[in-house]
Amino acid sequence: MEPMGKISPSTLSKSDLPWQILWNKEACTLCGRCTAVCPVRAIELGVHRKRVVQTVIGLTEKPGNVFTVYHGVDQRTDPAHACIGCGMCDLVCPNAAIRPIRSTDVDKLRFHVNQGGMPRRRGGRRNDPRSVLDEIKFIRISMLTDPALDAGRHDFELRTLLGRILPAEDLAKTLSENGWIPPVREIYPLIIGGMSFGALSPNMWEGLQMGVAYLNEEKGMPVRICTGEGGCPPRLLRSRFLKYVILQIASGYFGWDEIIHALPEMREDPCAIEIKYGQGAKPGDGGLLMWYKVNSLIAAIRGVPQGISLPSPPTHQTLYSIEESVAKMIQSMAMAWGFRVPVYPKISATSTTLAVLNNLTRNPYASGLAIDGEDGGTGAAYNVSMNHMGHPIASNIRDAYLNLVKIGKQNEIPLFAGGGIGKNGNLAANAAALIMLGASGVQIGKYIMQAAAGCLGSEADRCNICNIGLCPKGITSQDARLYRRLDPEQVAERVVDVYLSFDQELKKIMAPLGRSTSLPIGMSDALGIADGDAAARLQIRHVL
């Protein structure tokens, strides 16, 4: 407690905070569960002094004051321990005596979070609930008698291709000169995007892998998951489940020693190799695994000392241009697996996307392009990067597809879109819209965290402390006391539920289009939007 009458510039009242704790003194039994579970120590047990006026019968004595002491829960207001609204106190309270509420007043905490000369870092996504994808409607409805109109009875081929599809003449030339055909994988169009073993807790990562394996082996759905930067457990590299995994290499090269050493012992080839140049949450800013998460296991896998922050440079330090990247990085990775594995880059959505794409079209070893829009992100990013940098994914993927159409290569190089897909719960509709705008498939990260593990973060800046290892659900923590809260088998069950539900919804959207044999990639005549400017920008129908 500060001395009475002395306040600092960052002294705040509860009204200045975005989240306020409501505590019911009558219902509380002072069990201490709420204070024990709070990830940022925003509440603490306190001792309170209360004055009670004592009345007497008759006039023999004067009324007096009696001071009593009672115990209760106090909310801290210093910026370092401000409530994040996660609601864990409410979840564990046996008497529903405490809960956070969103303040209706102006949030003044935003003026005080940058301390020590460092801008604020946070996890989660940008604080913008809007999405143009949610405004797109599917307006083409087939009125013909067609089995595809019955989404429940008709069989749909919900598959997409990851890999370079060369024209017949180019394929014949490559085959005659090199004796080589570009590798292609037939996969499900919904990919779990790169979230590293380090960014996610061991239980969360294991649950995702178990769910993907079940979908492949029991449900016959060729679902794929990307490791993110940082490598993966050695046992996965040597298991038969590696074929369901996309290995990512990023500018930090973390974890790649383990992968290279495991090459001679791999029982299966990975699905693909993803070379990460950028990501939507922090375009041009590289990656960052903060020291809170670098425990002994993560340090061993990544080949670094324990307890230090692990920043990835914004670009690969050995490369100076996208041309050199195609010539060196993509071809060397293809060579490492004997040209059997597709290799493709992942970039942040940007106005320079077309320059990257045009260069990829000239090299047969480039197997596709993944574009990550501005709304993506589950790791540590600077607030200013997350909220004020990046490019929307819808217009970027549309530009890329139309560029491929212009040069006659729209069926040759697959485009994969990511970044905020399904952030308002409309996963299948958002994915279908992007596919019809030109994507061959979509990547999701935060959605699967919310749906499969119950992530508490939101665009309203609720929770969003993925970066500091204090995730109240144990999803993004490397602290065993936290991640043991998460049951990997239940995560796997939820992953399966998400995919089966998505599969049904995507069929419901595809059925009226009369497209039952293939994904409607680039079928933009089926799309409409009420916003005239958006319609003109995306070159789809303007409907009111």
Protein backbone atom coordinates (compact mmCIF):
# COMPACT_ATOMS: atom_id res chain seq x y z
CA MET A 1 0.00 0.00 0.00
CA GLU A 2 1.24 3.48 -0.84
CA PRO A 3 1.27 6.13 1.86
CA MET A 4 -1.92 8.17 2.10
CA GLY A 5 -1.70 11.29 0.00
CA LYS A 6 1.08 9.99 -2.22
CA ILE A 7 0.20 8.77 -5.71
CA SER A 8 2.30 7.87 -8.74
CA PRO A 9 1.57 8.72 -12.40
CA SER A 10 0.37 5.15 -12.94
CA THR A 11 -1.97 5.07 -9.96
CA LEU A 12 -5.34 3.86 -11.24
CA SER A 13 -8.74 3.29 -9.74
CA LYS A 14 -10.90 0.29 -10.47
CA SER A 15 -13.00 2.44 -12.79
CA ASP A 16 -9.94 3.02 -14.97
CA LEU A 17 -9.41 -0.68 -15.61
CA PRO A 18 -11.03 -2.56 -18.51
CA TRP A 19 -12.09 -5.38 -16.14
CA GLN A 20 -13.49 -5.02 -12.63
CA ILE A 21 -13.97 -7.71 -10.01
CA LEU A 22 -17.40 -8.07 -8.42
CA TRP A 23 -17.15 -9.78 -5.05
CA ASN A 24 -20.10 -10.85 -2.89
CA LYS A 25 -19.10 -10.67 0.76
CA GLU A 26 -22.15 -12.59 1.92
CA ALA A 27 -21.61 -15.57 -0.40
CA CYS A 28 -17.82 -15.78 -0.05
CA THR A 29 -16.40 -18.40 2.33
CA LEU A 30 -12.80 -17.17 1.95
CA CYS A 31 -11.63 -20.51 0.57
CA GLY A 32 -8.86 -18.78 -1.41
CA ARG A 33 -9.41 -20.65 -4.67
CA CYS A 34 -9.90 -17.47 -6.68
CA THR A 35 -6.67 -15.86 -5.55
CA ALA A 36 -4.76 -19.11 -6.08
CA VAL A 37 -5.93 -19.55 -9.66
CA CYS A 38 -5.64 -15.95 -10.89
CA PRO A 39 -2.86 -15.99 -13.54
CA VAL A 40 -1.81 -12.34 -13.11
CA ARG A 41 -2.42 -12.05 -9.33
CA ALA A 42 -5.04 -9.39 -9.89
CA ILE A 43 -6.83 -10.28 -6.65
CA GLU A 44 -5.56 -10.95 -3.16
CA LEU A 45 -6.97 -11.64 0.28
CA GLY A 46 -7.25 -8.48 2.33
CA VAL A 47 -8.05 -7.37 5.86
CA HIS A 48 -10.68 -4.67 6.20
CA ARG A 49 -11.62 -2.40 9.12
CA LYS A 50 -15.27 -1.52 9.51
CA ARG A 51 -16.91 0.97 11.87
CA VAL A 52 -20.24 0.02 13.43
CA VAL A 53 -22.24 2.53 15.46
CA GLN A 54 -23.17 1.00 18.83
CA THR A 55 -26.48 2.08 20.23
CA VAL A 56 -27.49 1.78 23.90
CA ILE A 57 -30.80 1.49 25.66
CA GLY A 58 -31.69 4.47 27.75
CA LEU A 59 -29.69 7.63 28.34
CA THR A 60 -27.13 6.34 30.77
CA GLU A 61 -24.37 6.04 28.18
CA LYS A 62 -23.49 7.87 25.00
CA PRO A 63 -23.64 5.99 21.70
CA GLY A 64 -20.17 4.82 20.67
CA ASN A 65 -18.23 3.37 17.76
CA VAL A 66 -17.16 -0.23 17.54
CA PHE A 67 -14.46 -1.13 15.03
CA THR A 68 -14.56 -4.66 13.65
CA VAL A 69 -12.23 -6.52 11.35
CA TYR A 70 -13.32 -8.73 8.48
CA HIS A 71 -11.48 -10.49 5.67
CA GLY A 72 -12.25 -10.18 2.00
CA VAL A 73 -10.92 -10.07 -1.57
CA ASP A 74 -9.16 -6.98 -2.92
CA GLN A 75 -8.55 -6.11 -6.55
CA ARG A 76 -5.13 -4.74 -7.43
CA THR A 77 -5.06 -1.73 -9.73
CA ASP A 78 -1.39 -1.41 -10.63
CA PRO A 79 -0.84 -1.98 -14.39
CA ALA A 80 1.42 -5.00 -13.89
CA HIS A 81 -1.37 -6.92 -12.15
CA ALA A 82 -4.48 -5.55 -13.82
CA CYS A 83 -7.33 -8.05 -14.26
CA ILE A 84 -7.42 -9.59 -17.73
CA GLY A 85 -11.04 -10.76 -17.51
CA CYS A 86 -10.27 -14.44 -17.98
CA GLY A 87 -12.95 -15.45 -15.47
CA MET A 88 -10.96 -18.25 -13.84
CA CYS A 89 -11.99 -16.92 -10.42
CA ASP A 90 -15.62 -17.44 -11.38
CA LEU A 91 -14.91 -20.93 -12.75
CA VAL A 92 -13.37 -22.21 -9.50
CA CYS A 93 -15.54 -20.38 -6.95
CA PRO A 94 -17.87 -22.89 -5.25
CA ASN A 95 -20.39 -20.20 -4.32
CA ALA A 96 -20.46 -17.93 -7.41
CA ALA A 97 -19.24 -15.14 -5.16
CA ILE A 98 -16.83 -13.49 -7.59
CA ARG A 99 -16.64 -12.65 -11.29
CA PRO A 100 -15.05 -10.08 -13.61
CA ILE A 101 -17.19 -7.64 -15.57
CA ARG A 102 -16.27 -5.45 -18.50
CA SER A 103 -16.10 -1.78 -17.58
CA THR A 104 -18.28 0.62 -19.53
CA ASP A 105 -15.95 3.49 -18.76
CA VAL A 106 -12.98 4.51 -20.89
CA ASP A 107 -10.10 2.08 -20.48
CA LYS A 108 -7.26 4.24 -19.13
CA LEU A 109 -4.96 1.25 -18.61
CA ARG A 110 -3.87 1.50 -22.25
CA PHE A 111 -1.95 4.67 -21.39
CA HIS A 112 0.09 2.89 -18.69
CA VAL A 113 0.93 -0.55 -20.06
CA ASN A 114 4.16 0.53 -21.81
CA GLN A 115 6.61 0.56 -18.92
CA GLY A 116 10.36 0.36 -18.58
CA GLY A 117 10.83 1.87 -22.02
CA MET A 118 9.35 -1.23 -23.71
CA PRO A 119 6.19 -1.29 -25.82
CA ARG A 120 3.50 -3.69 -24.71
CA ARG A 121 3.69 -7.25 -25.95
CA ARG A 122 0.69 -9.51 -25.83
CA GLY A 123 -0.76 -12.68 -27.26
CA GLY A 124 -4.09 -13.23 -28.94
CA ARG A 125 -5.34 -11.19 -31.87
CA ARG A 126 -5.98 -7.57 -32.71
CA ASN A 127 -8.81 -5.77 -30.95
CA ASP A 128 -11.11 -5.56 -33.99
CA PRO A 129 -14.17 -7.81 -34.03
CA ARG A 130 -15.08 -6.94 -37.63
CA SER A 131 -14.43 -9.23 -40.57
CA VAL A 132 -15.32 -8.69 -44.22
CA LEU A 133 -15.48 -12.48 -44.58
CA ASP A 134 -18.52 -12.55 -42.30
CA GLU A 135 -20.36 -10.14 -44.63
CA ILE A 136 -19.96 -12.31 -47.74
CA LYS A 137 -23.06 -14.26 -48.83
CA PHE A 138 -23.32 -17.29 -51.09
CA ILE A 139 -25.85 -16.17 -53.67
CA ARG A 140 -25.74 -18.82 -56.40
CA ILE A 141 -28.37 -21.49 -55.79
CA SER A 142 -28.88 -24.25 -58.36
CA MET A 143 -32.54 -24.95 -59.14
CA LEU A 144 -31.88 -28.03 -61.26
CA THR A 145 -32.67 -31.56 -60.15
CA ASP A 146 -29.25 -32.64 -59.02
CA PRO A 147 -28.05 -35.06 -56.34
CA ALA A 148 -25.74 -32.34 -55.12
CA LEU A 149 -28.75 -30.45 -53.79
CA ASP A 150 -29.05 -33.08 -51.08
CA ALA A 151 -26.08 -32.41 -48.80
CA GLY A 152 -27.07 -35.25 -46.51
CA ARG A 153 -27.14 -38.06 -49.09
CA HIS A 154 -24.60 -37.07 -51.71
CA ASP A 155 -20.90 -37.86 -51.45
CA PHE A 156 -18.63 -34.85 -51.66
CA GLU A 157 -14.97 -34.83 -52.55
CA LEU A 158 -13.66 -32.30 -50.01
CA ARG A 159 -10.01 -32.57 -50.95
CA THR A 160 -7.41 -30.14 -52.18
CA LEU A 161 -3.91 -30.48 -53.60
CA LEU A 162 -0.69 -29.31 -51.96
CA GLY A 163 2.08 -29.32 -54.53
CA ARG A 164 3.03 -28.03 -57.97
CA ILE A 165 0.70 -29.12 -60.79
CA LEU A 166 2.75 -28.57 -63.95
CA PRO A 167 1.12 -28.40 -67.40
CA ALA A 168 1.65 -31.45 -69.60
CA GLU A 169 4.38 -29.86 -71.70
CA ASP A 170 6.34 -28.59 -68.68
CA LEU A 171 5.91 -31.90 -66.90
CA ALA A 172 7.26 -33.82 -69.89
CA LYS A 173 10.25 -31.49 -70.07
CA THR A 174 11.02 -31.83 -66.34
CA LEU A 175 10.62 -35.58 -66.52
CA SER A 176 12.94 -35.94 -69.53
CA GLU A 177 15.61 -33.61 -68.15
CA ASN A 178 15.59 -34.56 -64.47
CA GLY A 179 13.60 -37.77 -64.30
CA TRP A 180 11.51 -36.01 -61.63
CA ILE A 181 7.84 -35.24 -61.10
CA PRO A 182 6.92 -32.52 -58.56
CA PRO A 183 5.48 -34.15 -55.42
CA VAL A 184 1.79 -33.55 -54.73
CA ARG A 185 -0.28 -34.34 -51.63
CA GLU A 186 -4.05 -34.74 -51.55
CA ILE A 187 -5.11 -33.20 -48.26
CA TYR A 188 -8.14 -31.80 -46.46
CA PRO A 189 -8.63 -28.08 -47.19
CA LEU A 190 -8.62 -27.11 -43.48
CA ILE A 191 -5.06 -27.17 -42.09
CA ILE A 192 -4.06 -26.56 -38.47
CA GLY A 193 -1.52 -23.77 -38.94
CA GLY A 194 1.87 -23.30 -37.37
CA MET A 195 1.79 -23.19 -33.55
CA SER A 196 5.08 -24.35 -32.17
CA PHE A 197 6.00 -26.87 -29.52
CA GLY A 198 6.96 -24.10 -27.16
CA ALA A 199 4.22 -21.62 -27.96
CA LEU A 200 1.71 -24.34 -27.03
CA SER A 201 1.91 -26.48 -23.92
CA PRO A 202 2.93 -30.16 -24.21
CA ASN A 203 -0.63 -31.31 -23.40
CA MET A 204 -2.19 -29.02 -25.98
CA TRP A 205 0.29 -30.02 -28.67
CA GLU A 206 -0.14 -33.71 -27.93
CA GLY A 207 -3.93 -33.35 -28.00
CA LEU A 208 -3.82 -31.71 -31.44
CA GLN A 209 -1.55 -34.45 -32.80
CA MET A 210 -3.79 -37.18 -31.38
CA GLY A 211 -6.87 -35.59 -32.92
CA VAL A 212 -5.22 -35.30 -36.33
CA ALA A 213 -4.08 -38.94 -36.22
CA TYR A 214 -7.61 -40.10 -35.33
CA LEU A 215 -9.16 -38.10 -38.18
CA ASN A 216 -6.74 -39.66 -40.65
CA GLU A 217 -6.82 -43.26 -39.47
CA GLU A 218 -10.38 -43.66 -38.22
CA LYS A 219 -12.35 -41.10 -40.23
CA GLY A 220 -10.40 -41.17 -43.48
CA MET A 221 -9.94 -37.38 -43.51
CA PRO A 222 -6.44 -36.37 -44.69
CA VAL A 223 -6.06 -33.56 -42.14
CA ARG A 224 -2.63 -31.98 -41.75
CA ILE A 225 -1.03 -29.98 -38.95
CA CYS A 226 1.97 -27.62 -39.13
CA THR A 227 4.56 -27.71 -36.36
CA GLY A 228 5.39 -24.02 -36.38
CA GLU A 229 9.00 -22.99 -35.78
CA GLY A 230 10.94 -24.76 -33.07
CA GLY A 231 11.03 -28.37 -34.14
CA CYS A 232 9.05 -31.09 -32.42
CA PRO A 233 9.59 -34.01 -30.04
CA PRO A 234 12.13 -36.50 -31.45
CA ARG A 235 9.69 -39.39 -31.08
CA LEU A 236 7.29 -37.74 -33.54
CA LEU A 237 10.06 -37.39 -36.13
CA ARG A 238 10.68 -41.13 -35.96
CA SER A 239 7.04 -42.23 -35.90
CA ARG A 240 4.61 -43.18 -38.66
CA PHE A 241 2.49 -40.14 -37.78
CA LEU A 242 5.04 -37.78 -39.33
CA LYS A 243 3.22 -38.10 -42.66
CA TYR A 244 0.36 -36.05 -41.18
CA VAL A 245 2.72 -33.21 -40.22
CA ILE A 246 4.00 -30.15 -42.10
CA LEU A 247 7.44 -29.25 -40.74
CA GLN A 248 8.14 -25.53 -40.58
CA ILE A 249 11.51 -23.86 -40.84
CA ALA A 250 11.72 -20.18 -39.95
CA SER A 251 14.39 -17.52 -39.78
CA GLY A 252 15.53 -18.62 -36.29
CA TYR A 253 16.17 -22.20 -37.49
CA PHE A 254 15.16 -23.37 -34.00
CA GLY A 255 14.82 -27.13 -33.72
CA TRP A 256 16.26 -27.92 -37.12
CA ASP A 257 19.32 -29.67 -35.78
CA GLU A 258 17.04 -32.34 -34.31
CA ILE A 259 15.15 -32.67 -37.60
CA ILE A 260 18.30 -33.02 -39.69
CA HIS A 261 19.76 -35.58 -37.29
CA ALA A 262 16.53 -37.59 -37.48
CA LEU A 263 16.46 -37.72 -41.29
CA PRO A 264 18.17 -41.13 -41.64
CA GLU A 265 15.76 -42.66 -39.08
CA MET A 266 12.48 -41.23 -40.41
CA ARG A 267 9.98 -44.00 -41.13
CA GLU A 268 7.80 -41.62 -43.15
CA ASP A 269 8.33 -38.41 -45.08
CA PRO A 270 6.57 -35.34 -43.67
CA CYS A 271 3.57 -34.06 -45.61
CA ALA A 272 5.45 -30.89 -46.63
CA ILE A 273 8.06 -28.34 -45.60
CA GLU A 274 6.85 -24.80 -44.87
CA ILE A 275 9.47 -22.03 -44.95
CA LYS A 276 8.18 -19.15 -42.85
CA TYR A 277 9.15 -15.66 -43.93
CA GLY A 278 6.36 -13.79 -42.14
CA GLN A 279 3.20 -14.18 -40.11
CA GLY A 280 0.06 -12.12 -39.88
CA ALA A 281 0.27 -11.14 -36.20
CA LYS A 282 3.60 -9.39 -36.56
CA PRO A 283 4.44 -8.79 -40.22
CA GLY A 284 8.07 -7.86 -40.71
CA ASP A 285 8.78 -8.33 -37.01
CA GLY A 286 9.92 -11.94 -36.86
CA GLY A 287 8.82 -14.41 -34.19
CA LEU A 288 9.34 -14.39 -30.44
CA LEU A 289 9.17 -17.07 -27.78
CA MET A 290 9.59 -15.22 -24.51
CA TRP A 291 11.83 -16.56 -21.76
CA TYR A 292 8.86 -17.47 -19.56
CA LYS A 293 8.26 -20.49 -21.81
CA VAL A 294 11.82 -21.66 -22.46
CA ASN A 295 12.05 -24.50 -19.96
CA SER A 296 14.57 -27.34 -20.08
CA LEU A 297 12.55 -29.39 -22.59
CA ILE A 298 12.07 -26.52 -25.04
CA ALA A 299 15.71 -25.49 -24.64
CA ALA A 300 16.88 -29.04 -25.43
CA ILE A 301 14.72 -29.37 -28.54
CA ARG A 302 15.72 -25.95 -29.84
CA GLY A 303 19.37 -26.28 -28.90
CA VAL A 304 19.54 -23.10 -26.80
CA PRO A 305 20.22 -22.21 -23.14
CA GLN A 306 17.28 -22.40 -20.76
CA GLY A 307 15.41 -19.27 -19.69
CA ILE A 308 16.30 -16.84 -22.48
CA SER A 309 13.97 -15.17 -24.98
CA LEU A 310 14.13 -16.62 -28.48
CA PRO A 311 13.53 -13.99 -31.17
CA SER A 312 13.49 -14.99 -34.82
CA PRO A 313 14.80 -12.33 -37.20
CA PRO A 314 12.19 -10.73 -39.50
CA THR A 315 13.99 -12.26 -42.49
CA HIS A 316 16.27 -15.22 -43.10
CA GLN A 317 19.71 -13.82 -42.47
CA THR A 318 21.36 -15.92 -45.20
CA LEU A 319 18.98 -14.68 -47.91
CA TYR A 320 18.79 -11.28 -49.53
CA SER A 321 15.88 -11.61 -51.96
CA ILE A 322 12.94 -13.83 -52.80
CA GLU A 323 14.84 -14.93 -55.90
CA GLU A 324 17.68 -16.21 -53.75
CA SER A 325 15.18 -17.87 -51.45
CA VAL A 326 13.70 -19.86 -54.30
CA ALA A 327 17.14 -20.76 -55.59
CA LYS A 328 18.65 -21.72 -52.24
CA MET A 329 16.16 -22.43 -49.46
CA ILE A 330 13.35 -24.12 -51.36
CA GLN A 331 15.62 -26.22 -53.54
CA SER A 332 17.88 -27.25 -50.67
CA MET A 333 14.92 -28.35 -48.55
CA ALA A 334 13.51 -30.30 -51.50
CA MET A 335 16.91 -31.92 -51.97
CA ALA A 336 17.15 -32.94 -48.29
CA TRP A 337 14.17 -35.26 -48.78
CA GLY A 338 15.20 -36.45 -52.23
CA PHE A 339 12.67 -34.19 -53.97
CA ARG A 340 9.84 -36.36 -52.56
CA VAL A 341 8.31 -33.68 -50.31
CA PRO A 342 6.51 -30.45 -51.37
CA VAL A 343 8.23 -27.26 -50.19
CA TYR A 344 6.47 -23.90 -50.07
CA PRO A 345 6.94 -20.50 -48.38
CA LYS A 346 4.62 -18.77 -45.92
CA ILE A 347 4.51 -14.97 -45.98
CA SER A 348 2.58 -12.19 -44.30
CA ALA A 349 -0.21 -10.72 -46.39
CA THR A 350 1.30 -7.62 -47.94
CA SER A 351 1.16 -5.37 -50.97
CA THR A 352 4.31 -7.16 -52.21
CA THR A 353 2.64 -10.61 -52.25
CA LEU A 354 2.39 -10.60 -56.04
CA ALA A 355 6.14 -10.05 -56.38
CA VAL A 356 6.76 -13.17 -54.30
CA LEU A 357 4.12 -15.15 -56.18
CA ASN A 358 5.39 -14.20 -59.63
CA ASN A 359 8.86 -15.37 -58.67
CA LEU A 360 7.53 -18.70 -57.40
CA THR A 361 5.78 -19.37 -60.71
CA ARG A 362 9.15 -19.53 -62.45
CA ASN A 363 10.54 -22.32 -60.30
CA PRO A 364 9.12 -25.87 -60.45
CA TYR A 365 10.41 -26.68 -56.94
CA ALA A 366 8.01 -24.17 -55.31
CA SER A 367 4.94 -26.20 -54.33
CA GLY A 368 2.58 -23.40 -53.30
CA LEU A 369 2.24 -20.22 -51.27
CA ALA A 370 0.70 -19.70 -47.83
CA ILE A 371 -0.47 -16.15 -47.08
CA ASP A 372 -1.15 -15.09 -43.47
CA GLY A 373 -3.51 -12.15 -43.05
CA GLU A 374 -3.51 -9.40 -40.46
CA ASP A 375 -5.85 -11.06 -37.97
CA GLY A 376 -3.69 -14.10 -37.24
CA GLY A 377 -1.50 -14.75 -34.25
CA THR A 378 -1.31 -16.80 -31.07
CA GLY A 379 2.17 -15.90 -29.82
CA ALA A 380 3.99 -12.82 -28.59
CA ALA A 381 3.61 -9.65 -30.65
CA TYR A 382 3.99 -5.97 -29.98
CA ASN A 383 0.67 -4.23 -29.52
CA VAL A 384 1.48 -1.73 -32.28
CA SER A 385 2.37 -4.52 -34.71
CA MET A 386 -0.75 -6.51 -33.96
CA ASN A 387 -3.20 -3.63 -34.18
CA HIS A 388 -1.70 -1.38 -36.84
CA MET A 389 0.28 -3.52 -39.28
CA GLY A 390 -0.68 -6.10 -41.85
CA HIS A 391 -2.99 -6.66 -44.80
CA PRO A 392 -6.51 -8.16 -44.82
CA ILE A 393 -6.48 -11.70 -46.14
CA ALA A 394 -9.59 -11.54 -48.37
CA SER A 395 -8.29 -8.91 -50.78
CA ASN A 396 -4.74 -10.30 -50.74
CA ILE A 397 -5.76 -13.84 -51.64
CA ARG A 398 -8.07 -12.45 -54.31
CA ASP A 399 -5.27 -10.39 -55.87
CA ALA A 400 -2.96 -13.41 -55.85
CA TYR A 401 -5.53 -15.67 -57.51
CA LEU A 402 -6.46 -13.13 -60.20
CA ASN A 403 -2.76 -12.66 -60.90
CA LEU A 404 -2.41 -16.42 -61.46
CA VAL A 405 -5.44 -16.31 -63.75
CA LYS A 406 -3.86 -13.50 -65.74
CA ILE A 407 -0.72 -15.55 -66.42
CA GLY A 408 -2.60 -18.82 -66.89
CA LYS A 409 -1.30 -20.62 -63.80
CA GLN A 410 -4.37 -20.64 -61.53
CA ASN A 411 -4.46 -24.44 -61.51
CA GLU A 412 -0.71 -24.79 -61.05
CA ILE A 413 0.28 -23.17 -57.75
CA PRO A 414 -2.04 -23.66 -54.75
CA LEU A 415 -2.69 -20.71 -52.43
CA PHE A 416 -3.42 -21.23 -48.74
CA ALA A 417 -5.03 -18.47 -46.69
CA GLY A 418 -4.77 -17.81 -42.95
CA GLY A 419 -5.35 -15.08 -40.42
CA GLY A 420 -8.50 -14.64 -38.34
CA ILE A 421 -10.57 -17.26 -40.16
CA GLY A 422 -13.58 -18.12 -38.05
CA LYS A 423 -12.74 -15.56 -35.38
CA ASN A 424 -16.45 -14.83 -34.94
CA GLY A 425 -17.37 -18.52 -35.00
CA ASN A 426 -18.19 -18.75 -38.71
CA LEU A 427 -15.38 -21.11 -39.68
CA ALA A 428 -17.01 -22.99 -42.57
CA ALA A 429 -18.53 -19.84 -44.10
CA ASN A 430 -15.23 -17.93 -43.87
CA ALA A 431 -13.30 -20.87 -45.34
CA ALA A 432 -15.78 -21.32 -48.19
CA ALA A 433 -15.61 -17.60 -49.01
CA LEU A 434 -11.81 -17.68 -49.20
CA ILE A 435 -11.86 -20.81 -51.34
CA MET A 436 -14.27 -19.15 -53.77
CA LEU A 437 -12.04 -16.09 -53.80
CA GLY A 438 -9.18 -18.31 -54.96
CA ALA A 439 -7.63 -20.19 -52.04
CA SER A 440 -6.98 -23.92 -52.34
CA GLY A 441 -7.33 -24.28 -48.58
CA VAL A 442 -7.16 -22.40 -45.30
CA GLN A 443 -5.02 -22.51 -42.17
CA ILE A 444 -6.43 -21.99 -38.67
CA GLY A 445 -4.71 -21.44 -35.33
CA LYS A 446 -6.60 -19.38 -32.78
CA TYR A 447 -9.91 -20.97 -33.80
CA ILE A 448 -8.71 -24.45 -32.93
CA MET A 449 -7.39 -23.13 -29.61
CA GLN A 450 -10.78 -21.65 -28.79
CA ALA A 451 -12.80 -24.62 -30.00
CA ALA A 452 -10.58 -27.52 -28.92
CA ALA A 453 -9.21 -26.22 -25.63
CA GLY A 454 -11.56 -23.46 -24.55
CA CYS A 455 -9.20 -20.51 -24.98
CA LEU A 456 -10.57 -17.51 -23.09
CA GLY A 457 -9.01 -14.82 -25.29
CA SER A 458 -11.08 -12.51 -27.46
CA GLU A 459 -10.86 -9.52 -29.78
CA ALA A 460 -12.05 -7.40 -26.85
CA ASP A 461 -8.61 -8.00 -25.28
CA ARG A 462 -9.91 -10.48 -22.78
CA CYS A 463 -7.11 -12.65 -21.38
CA ASN A 464 -4.66 -12.56 -24.35
CA ILE A 465 -1.60 -13.39 -22.24
CA CYS A 466 -0.48 -16.29 -24.45
CA ASN A 467 2.96 -14.71 -24.56
CA ILE A 468 3.99 -14.83 -20.90
CA GLY A 469 3.30 -18.46 -20.07
CA LEU A 470 0.49 -17.80 -17.58
CA CYS A 471 -2.40 -19.15 -19.68
CA PRO A 472 -5.16 -19.88 -17.16
CA LYS A 473 -6.35 -22.90 -19.16
CA GLY A 474 -2.83 -24.28 -19.64
CA ILE A 475 -2.99 -24.00 -23.44
CA THR A 476 0.09 -21.85 -23.97
CA SER A 477 2.03 -22.45 -20.77
CA GLN A 478 5.16 -24.52 -20.13
CA ASP A 479 4.50 -24.54 -16.38
CA ALA A 480 3.39 -28.04 -15.34
CA ARG A 481 1.13 -26.60 -12.65
CA LEU A 482 -0.87 -24.91 -15.41
CA TYR A 483 -0.76 -27.25 -18.40
CA ARG A 484 -1.78 -30.25 -16.31
CA ARG A 485 -5.21 -28.63 -16.15
CA LEU A 486 -5.61 -29.62 -19.80
CA ASP A 487 -6.49 -33.21 -20.72
CA PRO A 488 -4.91 -34.05 -24.12
CA GLU A 489 -7.49 -36.75 -24.81
CA GLN A 490 -10.32 -34.26 -24.39
CA VAL A 491 -8.48 -31.83 -26.68
CA ALA A 492 -8.25 -34.60 -29.29
CA GLU A 493 -11.99 -35.31 -28.99
CA ARG A 494 -12.77 -31.64 -29.52
CA VAL A 495 -10.46 -31.48 -32.58
CA VAL A 496 -12.43 -34.35 -34.12
CA ASP A 497 -15.72 -32.62 -33.29
CA VAL A 498 -14.53 -29.39 -34.93
CA TYR A 499 -13.52 -31.12 -38.15
CA LEU A 500 -16.64 -33.26 -38.45
CA SER A 501 -18.84 -30.21 -37.86
CA PHE A 502 -16.84 -28.14 -40.36
CA ASP A 503 -17.17 -30.96 -42.90
CA GLN A 504 -20.96 -30.94 -42.60
CA GLU A 505 -21.23 -27.16 -42.83
CA LEU A 506 -18.96 -26.96 -45.87
CA LYS A 507 -21.11 -29.56 -47.61
CA LYS A 508 -24.22 -27.50 -46.80
CA ILE A 509 -22.61 -24.52 -48.55
CA MET A 510 -21.34 -26.51 -51.54
CA ALA A 511 -24.54 -28.46 -52.19
CA PRO A 512 -26.67 -25.62 -53.63
CA LEU A 513 -23.80 -24.63 -55.94
CA GLY A 514 -24.07 -27.94 -57.76
CA ARG A 515 -20.37 -28.61 -57.11
CA SER A 516 -20.04 -32.12 -55.77
CA THR A 517 -16.86 -33.39 -57.38
CA SER A 518 -14.32 -30.73 -56.37
CA LEU A 519 -13.81 -27.65 -54.23
CA PRO A 520 -15.22 -24.46 -55.80
CA ILE A 521 -11.81 -22.77 -56.00
CA GLY A 522 -12.15 -19.34 -57.59
CA MET A 523 -15.92 -19.69 -58.08
CA SER A 524 -16.47 -16.02 -57.30
CA ASP A 525 -19.74 -15.72 -59.24
CA ALA A 526 -21.36 -17.48 -56.28
CA LEU A 527 -20.38 -14.66 -53.89
CA GLY A 528 -22.11 -11.39 -53.06
CA ILE A 529 -21.72 -8.64 -50.49
CA ALA A 530 -23.77 -5.61 -49.48
CA ASP A 531 -20.76 -3.31 -49.24
CA GLY A 532 -20.26 -1.76 -52.67
CA ASP A 533 -16.62 -0.85 -52.09
CA ALA A 534 -15.82 -4.38 -50.91
CA ALA A 535 -17.64 -5.85 -53.93
CA ALA A 536 -15.61 -3.71 -56.32
CA ARG A 537 -12.34 -4.52 -54.54
CA LEU A 538 -12.95 -8.29 -54.49
CA GLN A 539 -14.64 -8.32 -57.92
CA ILE A 540 -17.74 -10.10 -56.68
CA ARG A 541 -21.45 -9.28 -56.93
CA HIS A 542 -22.83 -6.23 -55.12
CA VAL A 543 -26.13 -7.30 -53.57
CA LEU A 544 -28.54 -5.36 -51.39
